[in-house]
N, C-alpha and C. Protein backbone atom coordinates (compact mmCIF):
# COMPACT_ATOMS: atom_id res chain seq x y z
N MET A 1 40.74 93.82 124.14
CA MET A 1 41.81 93.81 123.17
C MET A 1 41.75 95.04 122.26
N ALA A 2 40.55 95.44 121.89
CA ALA A 2 40.39 96.59 120.99
C ALA A 2 41.00 97.87 121.56
N PRO A 3 40.81 98.18 122.85
CA PRO A 3 41.44 99.39 123.39
C PRO A 3 42.97 99.35 123.32
N LEU A 4 43.55 98.18 123.52
CA LEU A 4 45.00 98.04 123.44
C LEU A 4 45.49 98.29 122.01
N ILE A 5 44.79 97.73 121.04
CA ILE A 5 45.16 97.93 119.64
C ILE A 5 45.02 99.40 119.27
N GLU A 6 43.95 100.03 119.71
CA GLU A 6 43.75 101.45 119.42
C GLU A 6 44.87 102.29 120.04
N ARG A 7 45.25 102.00 121.26
CA ARG A 7 46.31 102.75 121.93
C ARG A 7 47.64 102.56 121.19
N MET A 8 47.93 101.34 120.78
CA MET A 8 49.17 101.08 120.05
C MET A 8 49.17 101.84 118.72
N PHE A 9 48.03 101.88 118.05
CA PHE A 9 47.93 102.62 116.79
C PHE A 9 48.21 104.10 117.02
N ARG A 10 47.61 104.66 118.05
CA ARG A 10 47.83 106.09 118.34
C ARG A 10 49.29 106.39 118.64
N TYR A 11 49.95 105.54 119.45
CA TYR A 11 51.36 105.76 119.76
C TYR A 11 52.22 105.64 118.51
N THR A 12 51.93 104.66 117.68
CA THR A 12 52.68 104.49 116.44
C THR A 12 52.50 105.69 115.54
N TRP A 13 51.27 106.17 115.42
CA TRP A 13 50.99 107.35 114.59
C TRP A 13 51.77 108.55 115.13
N PHE A 14 51.75 108.72 116.44
CA PHE A 14 52.46 109.86 117.05
C PHE A 14 53.96 109.79 116.76
N LEU A 15 54.56 108.64 116.97
CA LEU A 15 56.00 108.51 116.73
C LEU A 15 56.35 108.69 115.26
N ALA A 16 55.54 108.14 114.37
CA ALA A 16 55.79 108.30 112.94
C ALA A 16 55.66 109.76 112.53
N THR A 17 54.68 110.45 113.08
CA THR A 17 54.49 111.86 112.76
C THR A 17 55.66 112.70 113.26
N GLU A 18 56.11 112.43 114.46
CA GLU A 18 57.26 113.14 115.01
C GLU A 18 58.51 112.90 114.16
N ARG A 19 58.72 111.66 113.76
CA ARG A 19 59.90 111.33 112.95
C ARG A 19 59.81 111.99 111.59
N ARG A 20 58.62 111.99 110.99
CA ARG A 20 58.43 112.65 109.69
C ARG A 20 58.75 114.13 109.80
N ASP A 21 58.23 114.78 110.82
CA ASP A 21 58.48 116.21 111.00
C ASP A 21 59.97 116.48 111.21
N ALA A 22 60.65 115.62 111.95
CA ALA A 22 62.08 115.79 112.18
C ALA A 22 62.85 115.66 110.87
N MET A 23 62.47 114.71 110.04
CA MET A 23 63.15 114.54 108.75
C MET A 23 62.96 115.78 107.87
N VAL A 24 61.78 116.34 107.88
CA VAL A 24 61.53 117.55 107.09
C VAL A 24 62.37 118.70 107.63
N ARG A 25 62.40 118.87 108.95
CA ARG A 25 63.21 119.93 109.56
C ARG A 25 64.69 119.77 109.24
N GLU A 26 65.15 118.53 109.15
CA GLU A 26 66.56 118.24 108.88
C GLU A 26 66.90 118.35 107.40
N GLY A 27 65.91 118.69 106.57
CA GLY A 27 66.16 118.80 105.14
C GLY A 27 66.23 117.46 104.43
N ARG A 28 65.58 116.45 105.00
CA ARG A 28 65.61 115.10 104.43
C ARG A 28 64.28 114.74 103.76
N GLY A 29 63.62 115.75 103.21
CA GLY A 29 62.33 115.54 102.56
C GLY A 29 62.39 114.56 101.40
N ASP A 30 63.47 114.61 100.61
CA ASP A 30 63.60 113.68 99.48
C ASP A 30 63.69 112.24 99.97
N GLU A 31 64.44 112.03 101.03
CA GLU A 31 64.54 110.68 101.60
C GLU A 31 63.19 110.21 102.12
N LEU A 32 62.47 111.12 102.75
CA LEU A 32 61.14 110.79 103.25
C LEU A 32 60.21 110.40 102.12
N GLU A 33 60.22 111.17 101.04
CA GLU A 33 59.37 110.85 99.88
C GLU A 33 59.72 109.49 99.30
N LYS A 34 60.99 109.15 99.28
CA LYS A 34 61.40 107.83 98.78
C LYS A 34 60.85 106.72 99.67
N LEU A 35 60.94 106.91 100.98
CA LEU A 35 60.41 105.91 101.91
C LEU A 35 58.91 105.72 101.73
N VAL A 36 58.20 106.82 101.54
CA VAL A 36 56.75 106.75 101.34
C VAL A 36 56.44 106.01 100.04
N ALA A 37 57.15 106.34 98.98
CA ALA A 37 56.92 105.68 97.69
C ALA A 37 57.19 104.18 97.77
N GLU A 38 58.21 103.80 98.52
CA GLU A 38 58.52 102.37 98.68
C GLU A 38 57.47 101.65 99.52
N ALA A 39 56.81 102.36 100.42
CA ALA A 39 55.80 101.74 101.29
C ALA A 39 54.45 101.58 100.60
N ARG A 40 54.17 102.38 99.58
CA ARG A 40 52.85 102.35 98.94
C ARG A 40 52.44 100.97 98.40
N PRO A 41 53.32 100.26 97.67
CA PRO A 41 52.89 98.93 97.18
C PRO A 41 52.51 97.97 98.31
N PHE A 42 53.26 98.00 99.40
CA PHE A 42 52.94 97.15 100.54
C PHE A 42 51.59 97.54 101.13
N GLN A 43 51.36 98.83 101.28
CA GLN A 43 50.10 99.32 101.80
C GLN A 43 48.94 98.87 100.90
N ASP A 44 49.12 98.98 99.60
CA ASP A 44 48.09 98.54 98.66
C ASP A 44 47.82 97.05 98.78
N SER A 45 48.88 96.25 98.96
CA SER A 45 48.67 94.80 99.09
C SER A 45 47.91 94.47 100.36
N LEU A 46 48.17 95.20 101.45
CA LEU A 46 47.43 94.98 102.69
C LEU A 46 45.95 95.29 102.49
N ARG A 47 45.67 96.36 101.77
CA ARG A 47 44.27 96.71 101.51
C ARG A 47 43.57 95.66 100.67
N ARG A 48 44.27 95.15 99.66
CA ARG A 48 43.67 94.11 98.81
C ARG A 48 43.39 92.85 99.62
N ASP A 49 44.36 92.46 100.46
CA ASP A 49 44.20 91.25 101.27
C ASP A 49 43.08 91.39 102.29
N ALA A 50 42.83 92.59 102.77
CA ALA A 50 41.79 92.81 103.77
C ALA A 50 40.39 92.77 103.15
N ALA A 51 40.30 93.03 101.86
CA ALA A 51 38.99 93.06 101.19
C ALA A 51 38.41 91.70 100.96
């Protein structure tokens, strides 16, 4: 199961990185920053729950 999870993580990272780079190239950096800012609280809650 661990190799499958690792592979899925790598693919997700790759697609997210490609999409991020495309948004920057398209001049949508402000929109990207907003999306990141909105995701931070959720990310923090996941970290707290995992501890």
